[in-house]
Amino acid sequence: MSWEVLLPYAARLGNTSFALWLGASTWRIAWLLTVHLFGLTMLLGSVVLMSLHLLGLFQAWKPVPQLRREIRPVMLAGLCVMIATGALIFTGGAQAYYEGYWFRLKMVLLIITLLFHFTVFRVVTSREDGQVPLVAYRLTGAVTLALWFSVAWAGRAIAFF
């Protein structure tokens, strides 16, 4: 699929009265970015803890499903905050964001990461210890870290390029 197909929709979204109001204020966008980074901190913090556990470097004595249950609310809250604020930030400058390479890369990486997170990661971390080979825990932890940090890296690159 060519990215150009969706450009008219991004342009239309960016020209709504709400988008123009939102994008007209540096302060509104700055506050949204601040809350977005707070959600990122919640999400990546919980991802790091869970991944370090899967790699055997954090609370190795605790069963994987138990730690997942403890961390999951923070992880999901961070993800929800990021998606909500990210959508609003995008709305405030939809066409400019959409035309940027790094934004599109971030969206592709985000989709891949969410698919991995809600399939492989969820299955591996919900199984009781002993039902999953140790190598699967290690591999899942490493891939999870790489995927989520690649999304964050691409998002940060949006501001520079």
N, C-alpha and C. Protein backbone atom coordinates (compact mmCIF):
# COMPACT_ATOMS: atom_id res chain seq x y z
N MET A 1 0.84 -1.18 0.00
CA MET A 1 0.00 0.00 0.00
C MET A 1 0.88 1.24 0.00
N SER A 2 0.54 2.16 -0.83
CA SER A 2 1.26 3.42 -0.88
C SER A 2 0.71 4.35 0.21
N TRP A 3 1.61 5.03 0.87
CA TRP A 3 1.22 5.95 1.93
C TRP A 3 0.39 7.11 1.38
N GLU A 4 0.54 7.39 0.09
CA GLU A 4 -0.17 8.53 -0.51
C GLU A 4 -1.68 8.34 -0.50
N VAL A 5 -2.13 7.11 -0.41
CA VAL A 5 -3.56 6.82 -0.43
C VAL A 5 -4.27 7.47 0.76
N LEU A 6 -3.61 7.50 1.91
CA LEU A 6 -4.25 8.04 3.11
C LEU A 6 -3.99 9.53 3.34
N LEU A 7 -3.16 10.13 2.51
CA LEU A 7 -2.81 11.54 2.68
C LEU A 7 -4.03 12.46 2.67
N PRO A 8 -5.01 12.28 1.78
CA PRO A 8 -6.19 13.17 1.82
C PRO A 8 -6.95 13.09 3.16
N TYR A 9 -6.97 11.92 3.77
CA TYR A 9 -7.65 11.79 5.07
C TYR A 9 -6.89 12.52 6.17
N ALA A 10 -5.56 12.42 6.13
CA ALA A 10 -4.74 13.15 7.10
C ALA A 10 -4.92 14.66 6.90
N ALA A 11 -4.96 15.09 5.65
CA ALA A 11 -5.16 16.52 5.36
C ALA A 11 -6.52 16.98 5.84
N ARG A 12 -7.54 16.17 5.62
CA ARG A 12 -8.89 16.53 6.07
C ARG A 12 -8.95 16.61 7.59
N LEU A 13 -8.33 15.63 8.27
CA LEU A 13 -8.31 15.64 9.73
C LEU A 13 -7.59 16.89 10.24
N GLY A 14 -6.47 17.22 9.61
CA GLY A 14 -5.68 18.37 10.04
C GLY A 14 -6.34 19.71 9.78
N ASN A 15 -7.38 19.73 8.96
CA ASN A 15 -8.07 20.98 8.65
C ASN A 15 -9.41 21.12 9.37
N THR A 16 -9.72 20.23 10.29
CA THR A 16 -10.94 20.39 11.08
C THR A 16 -10.75 21.54 12.05
N SER A 17 -11.84 22.09 12.52
CA SER A 17 -11.73 23.23 13.44
C SER A 17 -11.03 22.83 14.74
N PHE A 18 -11.29 21.61 15.22
CA PHE A 18 -10.62 21.13 16.44
C PHE A 18 -9.11 21.03 16.21
N ALA A 19 -8.70 20.46 15.08
CA ALA A 19 -7.28 20.30 14.79
C ALA A 19 -6.59 21.66 14.65
N LEU A 20 -7.25 22.59 14.00
CA LEU A 20 -6.67 23.93 13.85
C LEU A 20 -6.55 24.63 15.20
N TRP A 21 -7.57 24.47 16.06
CA TRP A 21 -7.53 25.03 17.41
C TRP A 21 -6.40 24.40 18.22
N LEU A 22 -6.30 23.09 18.14
CA LEU A 22 -5.28 22.35 18.90
C LEU A 22 -3.88 22.72 18.44
N GLY A 23 -3.66 22.73 17.14
CA GLY A 23 -2.34 23.01 16.58
C GLY A 23 -1.92 24.46 16.66
N ALA A 24 -2.87 25.35 16.92
CA ALA A 24 -2.55 26.79 16.97
C ALA A 24 -1.85 27.19 18.25
N SER A 25 -1.84 26.33 19.24
CA SER A 25 -1.24 26.68 20.52
C SER A 25 -0.04 25.78 20.83
N THR A 26 1.09 26.40 20.97
CA THR A 26 2.30 25.66 21.35
C THR A 26 2.11 25.04 22.74
N TRP A 27 1.42 25.75 23.61
CA TRP A 27 1.22 25.26 24.98
C TRP A 27 0.35 24.01 25.02
N ARG A 28 -0.70 23.99 24.22
CA ARG A 28 -1.55 22.79 24.21
C ARG A 28 -0.76 21.57 23.74
N ILE A 29 0.00 21.73 22.69
CA ILE A 29 0.81 20.62 22.18
C ILE A 29 1.88 20.25 23.19
N ALA A 30 2.49 21.25 23.83
CA ALA A 30 3.52 20.98 24.84
C ALA A 30 2.96 20.16 26.00
N TRP A 31 1.76 20.50 26.46
CA TRP A 31 1.14 19.74 27.54
C TRP A 31 0.82 18.31 27.09
N LEU A 32 0.33 18.19 25.87
CA LEU A 32 0.05 16.85 25.35
C LEU A 32 1.34 16.02 25.24
N LEU A 33 2.41 16.64 24.78
CA LEU A 33 3.69 15.93 24.69
C LEU A 33 4.19 15.51 26.07
N THR A 34 3.98 16.36 27.06
CA THR A 34 4.39 16.04 28.43
C THR A 34 3.62 14.83 28.95
N VAL A 35 2.32 14.82 28.75
CA VAL A 35 1.51 13.68 29.19
C VAL A 35 1.86 12.44 28.37
N HIS A 36 2.15 12.62 27.10
CA HIS A 36 2.56 11.51 26.23
C HIS A 36 3.84 10.87 26.77
N LEU A 37 4.79 11.69 27.16
CA LEU A 37 6.04 11.18 27.72
C LEU A 37 5.82 10.51 29.08
N PHE A 38 4.87 10.99 29.84
CA PHE A 38 4.52 10.34 31.11
C PHE A 38 3.99 8.93 30.83
N GLY A 39 3.12 8.81 29.83
CA GLY A 39 2.62 7.48 29.44
C GLY A 39 3.75 6.60 28.93
N LEU A 40 4.67 7.18 28.18
CA LEU A 40 5.83 6.44 27.69
C LEU A 40 6.67 5.91 28.85
N THR A 41 6.84 6.74 29.87
CA THR A 41 7.60 6.32 31.05
C THR A 41 6.92 5.15 31.75
N MET A 42 5.61 5.24 31.90
CA MET A 42 4.87 4.14 32.53
C MET A 42 4.99 2.86 31.70
N LEU A 43 4.80 2.98 30.40
CA LEU A 43 4.84 1.81 29.52
C LEU A 43 6.24 1.21 29.48
N LEU A 44 7.23 2.02 29.13
CA LEU A 44 8.58 1.48 29.00
C LEU A 44 9.16 1.02 30.32
N GLY A 45 8.80 1.69 31.40
CA GLY A 45 9.26 1.22 32.72
C GLY A 45 8.75 -0.17 33.02
N SER A 46 7.48 -0.40 32.77
CA SER A 46 6.91 -1.72 33.03
C SER A 46 7.42 -2.76 32.04
N VAL A 47 7.64 -2.36 30.79
CA VAL A 47 8.20 -3.27 29.79
C VAL A 47 9.62 -3.67 30.18
N VAL A 48 10.41 -2.71 30.65
CA VAL A 48 11.78 -3.02 31.07
C VAL A 48 11.77 -4.00 32.24
N LEU A 49 10.93 -3.74 33.24
CA LEU A 49 10.87 -4.66 34.38
C LEU A 49 10.46 -6.07 33.97
N MET A 50 9.43 -6.16 33.15
CA MET A 50 8.95 -7.47 32.72
C MET A 50 9.99 -8.16 31.84
N SER A 51 10.62 -7.44 30.96
CA SER A 51 11.63 -8.03 30.08
C SER A 51 12.86 -8.46 30.86
N LEU A 52 13.28 -7.65 31.82
CA LEU A 52 14.41 -8.05 32.66
C LEU A 52 14.08 -9.31 33.45
N HIS A 53 12.84 -9.43 33.86
CA HIS A 53 12.41 -10.65 34.55
C HIS A 53 12.50 -11.85 33.60
N LEU A 54 12.02 -11.69 32.39
CA LEU A 54 12.08 -12.77 31.41
C LEU A 54 13.52 -13.14 31.08
N LEU A 55 14.42 -12.17 31.15
CA LEU A 55 15.84 -12.42 30.90
C LEU A 55 16.55 -12.97 32.13
N GLY A 56 15.82 -13.08 33.24
CA GLY A 56 16.38 -13.64 34.47
C GLY A 56 17.19 -12.65 35.28
N LEU A 57 16.98 -11.35 35.06
CA LEU A 57 17.79 -10.33 35.73
C LEU A 57 17.03 -9.51 36.78
N PHE A 58 15.75 -9.78 36.96
CA PHE A 58 14.94 -9.01 37.90
C PHE A 58 13.93 -9.94 38.56
N GLN A 59 13.95 -10.00 39.87
CA GLN A 59 13.03 -10.83 40.65
C GLN A 59 12.86 -12.22 40.06
N ALA A 60 13.97 -12.89 39.86
CA ALA A 60 13.96 -14.22 39.23
C ALA A 60 13.17 -15.24 40.05
N TRP A 61 13.01 -15.00 41.34
CA TRP A 61 12.29 -15.93 42.21
C TRP A 61 10.78 -15.87 42.02
N LYS A 62 10.28 -14.79 41.42
CA LYS A 62 8.84 -14.59 41.28
C LYS A 62 8.33 -15.26 40.01
N PRO A 63 7.21 -15.98 40.08
CA PRO A 63 6.64 -16.58 38.86
C PRO A 63 6.28 -15.51 37.82
N VAL A 64 6.52 -15.81 36.57
CA VAL A 64 6.27 -14.87 35.48
C VAL A 64 4.82 -14.38 35.46
N PRO A 65 3.82 -15.28 35.55
CA PRO A 65 2.44 -14.78 35.51
C PRO A 65 2.10 -13.84 36.67
N GLN A 66 2.70 -14.06 37.82
CA GLN A 66 2.44 -13.18 38.97
C GLN A 66 2.98 -11.77 38.71
N LEU A 67 4.20 -11.68 38.24
CA LEU A 67 4.76 -10.37 37.93
C LEU A 67 3.97 -9.69 36.82
N ARG A 68 3.54 -10.45 35.84
CA ARG A 68 2.73 -9.90 34.75
C ARG A 68 1.44 -9.29 35.30
N ARG A 69 0.78 -10.00 36.22
CA ARG A 69 -0.45 -9.48 36.81
C ARG A 69 -0.19 -8.20 37.60
N GLU A 70 0.96 -8.12 38.25
CA GLU A 70 1.28 -6.94 39.05
C GLU A 70 1.63 -5.73 38.17
N ILE A 71 2.30 -5.97 37.07
CA ILE A 71 2.78 -4.89 36.21
C ILE A 71 1.76 -4.48 35.15
N ARG A 72 0.90 -5.40 34.77
CA ARG A 72 -0.03 -5.18 33.65
C ARG A 72 -0.86 -3.90 33.76
N PRO A 73 -1.43 -3.55 34.92
CA PRO A 73 -2.23 -2.31 34.97
C PRO A 73 -1.43 -1.06 34.62
N VAL A 74 -0.19 -0.98 35.07
CA VAL A 74 0.64 0.18 34.76
C VAL A 74 1.00 0.19 33.27
N MET A 75 1.31 -0.99 32.74
CA MET A 75 1.65 -1.11 31.33
C MET A 75 0.49 -0.68 30.44
N LEU A 76 -0.71 -1.17 30.75
CA LEU A 76 -1.88 -0.82 29.95
C LEU A 76 -2.28 0.65 30.12
N ALA A 77 -2.15 1.17 31.32
CA ALA A 77 -2.45 2.58 31.55
C ALA A 77 -1.50 3.46 30.74
N GLY A 78 -0.22 3.12 30.76
CA GLY A 78 0.76 3.88 29.97
C GLY A 78 0.45 3.81 28.49
N LEU A 79 0.09 2.63 28.01
CA LEU A 79 -0.26 2.46 26.60
C LEU A 79 -1.49 3.29 26.23
N CYS A 80 -2.51 3.27 27.07
CA CYS A 80 -3.73 4.05 26.80
C CYS A 80 -3.45 5.55 26.79
N VAL A 81 -2.65 6.01 27.75
CA VAL A 81 -2.30 7.43 27.80
C VAL A 81 -1.54 7.81 26.54
N MET A 82 -0.61 6.97 26.13
CA MET A 82 0.18 7.27 24.93
C MET A 82 -0.67 7.30 23.67
N ILE A 83 -1.57 6.34 23.53
CA ILE A 83 -2.41 6.30 22.33
C ILE A 83 -3.35 7.52 22.29
N ALA A 84 -3.95 7.85 23.44
CA ALA A 84 -4.88 8.98 23.48
C ALA A 84 -4.15 10.29 23.19
N THR A 85 -3.05 10.53 23.86
CA THR A 85 -2.34 11.80 23.65
C THR A 85 -1.66 11.82 22.27
N GLY A 86 -1.17 10.68 21.82
CA GLY A 86 -0.56 10.61 20.50
C GLY A 86 -1.56 10.94 19.40
N ALA A 87 -2.79 10.47 19.56
CA ALA A 87 -3.83 10.78 18.57
C ALA A 87 -4.12 12.28 18.55
N LEU A 88 -4.15 12.89 19.72
CA LEU A 88 -4.40 14.34 19.79
C LEU A 88 -3.23 15.14 19.22
N ILE A 89 -2.01 14.72 19.53
CA ILE A 89 -0.83 15.39 18.99
C ILE A 89 -0.85 15.30 17.46
N PHE A 90 -1.14 14.10 16.96
CA PHE A 90 -1.21 13.91 15.51
C PHE A 90 -2.28 14.81 14.90
N THR A 91 -3.43 14.91 15.53
CA THR A 91 -4.53 15.73 15.03
C THR A 91 -4.11 17.18 14.87
N GLY A 92 -3.29 17.67 15.80
CA GLY A 92 -2.86 19.07 15.76
C GLY A 92 -1.92 19.40 14.60
N GLY A 93 -1.39 18.41 13.93
CA GLY A 93 -0.50 18.66 12.79
C GLY A 93 -0.50 17.47 11.86
N ALA A 94 -1.69 16.97 11.57
CA ALA A 94 -1.86 15.69 10.90
C ALA A 94 -1.10 15.56 9.58
N GLN A 95 -1.25 16.51 8.70
CA GLN A 95 -0.63 16.37 7.39
C GLN A 95 0.90 16.41 7.50
N ALA A 96 1.42 17.31 8.31
CA ALA A 96 2.88 17.41 8.46
C ALA A 96 3.44 16.13 9.08
N TYR A 97 2.78 15.62 10.11
CA TYR A 97 3.25 14.36 10.70
C TYR A 97 3.18 13.23 9.69
N TYR A 98 2.04 13.13 9.04
CA TYR A 98 1.81 12.02 8.12
C TYR A 98 2.82 11.99 6.98
N GLU A 99 3.21 13.14 6.50
CA GLU A 99 4.17 13.21 5.40
C GLU A 99 5.59 12.88 5.83
N GLY A 100 5.86 12.87 7.14
CA GLY A 100 7.20 12.60 7.64
C GLY A 100 7.53 11.11 7.68
N TYR A 101 8.72 10.77 7.24
CA TYR A 101 9.19 9.38 7.22
C TYR A 101 9.19 8.76 8.62
N TRP A 102 9.68 9.51 9.61
CA TRP A 102 9.83 8.94 10.95
C TRP A 102 8.47 8.66 11.60
N PHE A 103 7.48 9.47 11.33
CA PHE A 103 6.15 9.19 11.85
C PHE A 103 5.60 7.90 11.26
N ARG A 104 5.75 7.74 9.96
CA ARG A 104 5.25 6.51 9.33
C ARG A 104 6.01 5.30 9.81
N LEU A 105 7.32 5.43 9.99
CA LEU A 105 8.10 4.33 10.55
C LEU A 105 7.62 3.99 11.95
N LYS A 106 7.36 5.01 12.75
CA LYS A 106 6.87 4.77 14.11
C LYS A 106 5.54 4.02 14.09
N MET A 107 4.65 4.38 13.19
CA MET A 107 3.36 3.71 13.12
C MET A 107 3.51 2.25 12.70
N VAL A 108 4.38 1.97 11.75
CA VAL A 108 4.62 0.58 11.33
C VAL A 108 5.21 -0.21 12.50
N LEU A 109 6.21 0.36 13.16
CA LEU A 109 6.83 -0.31 14.30
C LEU A 109 5.81 -0.51 15.44
N LEU A 110 4.96 0.49 15.65
CA LEU A 110 3.94 0.37 16.70
C LEU A 110 2.97 -0.77 16.40
N ILE A 111 2.54 -0.89 15.17
CA ILE A 111 1.63 -1.98 14.81
C ILE A 111 2.30 -3.33 15.00
N ILE A 112 3.53 -3.46 14.54
CA ILE A 112 4.27 -4.72 14.72
C ILE A 112 4.44 -5.03 16.21
N THR A 113 4.80 -4.02 16.98
CA THR A 113 5.02 -4.20 18.41
C THR A 113 3.73 -4.59 19.13
N LEU A 114 2.63 -3.93 18.81
CA LEU A 114 1.35 -4.28 19.44
C LEU A 114 0.92 -5.69 19.08
N LEU A 115 1.11 -6.08 17.83
CA LEU A 115 0.79 -7.46 17.43
C LEU A 115 1.63 -8.46 18.22
N PHE A 116 2.92 -8.20 18.35
CA PHE A 116 3.80 -9.09 19.12
C PHE A 116 3.38 -9.09 20.59
N HIS A 117 3.12 -7.90 21.12
CA HIS A 117 2.80 -7.78 22.54
C HIS A 117 1.52 -8.52 22.92
N PHE A 118 0.49 -8.38 22.09
CA PHE A 118 -0.80 -8.98 22.44
C PHE A 118 -0.96 -10.41 21.92
N THR A 119 0.07 -10.95 21.31
CA THR A 119 0.05 -12.36 20.91
C THR A 119 1.16 -13.10 21.64
N VAL A 120 2.37 -13.03 21.13
CA VAL A 120 3.49 -13.81 21.67
C VAL A 120 3.78 -13.45 23.13
N PHE A 121 3.98 -12.17 23.41
CA PHE A 121 4.30 -11.74 24.77
C PHE A 121 3.22 -12.17 25.75
N ARG A 122 1.96 -11.97 25.37
CA ARG A 122 0.86 -12.32 26.26
C ARG A 122 0.81 -13.82 26.53
N VAL A 123 0.99 -14.62 25.50
CA VAL A 123 0.95 -16.08 25.67
C VAL A 123 2.11 -16.55 26.54
N VAL A 124 3.31 -16.07 26.25
CA VAL A 124 4.49 -16.52 26.99
C VAL A 124 4.42 -16.11 28.45
N THR A 125 3.98 -14.89 28.73
CA THR A 125 3.96 -14.41 30.11
C THR A 125 2.77 -14.90 30.92
N SER A 126 1.77 -15.45 30.28
CA SER A 126 0.62 -15.95 31.03
C SER A 126 0.74 -17.43 31.39
N ARG A 127 1.70 -18.12 30.81
CA ARG A 127 1.90 -19.54 31.12
C ARG A 127 2.66 -19.69 32.43
N GLU A 128 2.30 -20.73 33.16
CA GLU A 128 2.99 -21.02 34.41
C GLU A 128 4.43 -21.43 34.14
N ASP A 129 5.29 -21.18 35.12
CA ASP A 129 6.69 -21.57 34.98
C ASP A 129 6.79 -23.06 34.70
N GLY A 130 7.67 -23.44 33.81
CA GLY A 130 7.85 -24.83 33.43
C GLY A 130 7.09 -25.21 32.17
N GLN A 131 6.06 -24.43 31.82
CA GLN A 131 5.30 -24.71 30.60
C GLN A 131 5.95 -24.08 29.37
N VAL A 132 6.85 -23.16 29.59
CA VAL A 132 7.52 -22.46 28.51
C VAL A 132 9.02 -22.69 28.67
N PRO A 133 9.71 -23.06 27.60
CA PRO A 133 11.16 -23.25 27.70
C PRO A 133 11.86 -21.94 28.08
N LEU A 134 12.93 -22.06 28.81
CA LEU A 134 13.69 -20.90 29.26
C LEU A 134 14.13 -20.02 28.08
N VAL A 135 14.49 -20.64 26.98
CA VAL A 135 14.92 -19.86 25.81
C VAL A 135 13.77 -19.01 25.26
N ALA A 136 12.55 -19.46 25.39
CA ALA A 136 11.39 -18.68 24.93
C ALA A 136 11.21 -17.44 25.81
N TYR A 137 11.42 -17.59 27.13
CA TYR A 137 11.36 -16.43 28.01
C TYR A 137 12.43 -15.41 27.62
N ARG A 138 13.64 -15.89 27.45
CA ARG A 138 14.77 -15.00 27.13
C ARG A 138 14.55 -14.28 25.80
N LEU A 139 14.14 -15.03 24.81
CA LEU A 139 13.92 -14.46 23.48
C LEU A 139 12.77 -13.45 23.50
N THR A 140 11.69 -13.79 24.19
CA THR A 140 10.55 -12.88 24.29
C THR A 140 10.95 -11.58 24.99
N GLY A 141 11.72 -11.69 26.07
CA GLY A 141 12.18 -10.50 26.78
C GLY A 141 13.03 -9.60 25.90
N ALA A 142 13.96 -10.19 25.16
CA ALA A 142 14.85 -9.42 24.30
C ALA A 142 14.08 -8.76 23.14
N VAL A 143 13.19 -9.51 22.51
CA VAL A 143 12.42 -8.97 21.38
C VAL A 143 11.48 -7.87 21.86
N THR A 144 10.87 -8.06 23.02
CA THR A 144 9.97 -7.04 23.57
C THR A 144 10.72 -5.73 23.80
N LEU A 145 11.89 -5.82 24.42
CA LEU A 145 12.69 -4.61 24.64
C LEU A 145 13.05 -3.93 23.31
N ALA A 146 13.51 -4.72 22.37
CA ALA A 146 13.92 -4.16 21.08
C ALA A 146 12.75 -3.49 20.37
N LEU A 147 11.59 -4.13 20.37
CA LEU A 147 10.44 -3.57 19.66
C LEU A 147 9.94 -2.27 20.30
N TRP A 148 9.72 -2.29 21.62
CA TRP A 148 9.18 -1.09 22.26
C TRP A 148 10.16 0.07 22.19
N PHE A 149 11.45 -0.21 22.35
CA PHE A 149 12.42 0.88 22.28
C PHE A 149 12.60 1.38 20.85
N SER A 150 12.36 0.52 19.86
CA SER A 150 12.42 1.01 18.48
C SER A 150 11.26 1.96 18.20
N VAL A 151 10.10 1.70 18.77
CA VAL A 151 8.97 2.63 18.62
C VAL A 151 9.31 3.97 19.27
N ALA A 152 9.87 3.91 20.48
CA ALA A 152 10.25 5.14 21.18
C ALA A 152 11.32 5.91 20.41
N TRP A 153 12.29 5.18 19.86
CA TRP A 153 13.38 5.81 19.10
C TRP A 153 12.83 6.50 17.86
N ALA A 154 11.95 5.84 17.13
CA ALA A 154 11.36 6.44 15.92
C ALA A 154 10.52 7.66 16.30
N GLY A 155 9.80 7.57 17.42
CA GLY A 155 9.02 8.71 17.89
C GLY A 155 9.89 9.90 18.24
N ARG A 156 11.00 9.64 18.86
CA ARG A 156 11.92 10.73 19.20
C ARG A 156 12.53 11.35 17.95
N ALA A 157 12.77 10.53 16.94
CA ALA A 157 13.36 11.02 15.70
C ALA A 157 12.42 11.97 14.95
N ILE A 158 11.12 11.87 15.20
CA ILE A 158 10.15 12.77 14.55
C ILE A 158 10.52 14.23 14.82
N ALA A 159 10.96 14.51 16.03
CA ALA A 159 11.27 15.90 16.39
C ALA A 159 12.53 16.42 15.72
N PHE A 160 13.40 15.55 15.29
CA PHE A 160 14.68 15.98 14.75
C PHE A 160 14.75 16.01 13.23
N PHE A 161 13.87 15.29 12.58
CA PHE A 161 13.98 15.17 11.12
C PHE A 161 12.71 15.60 10.43
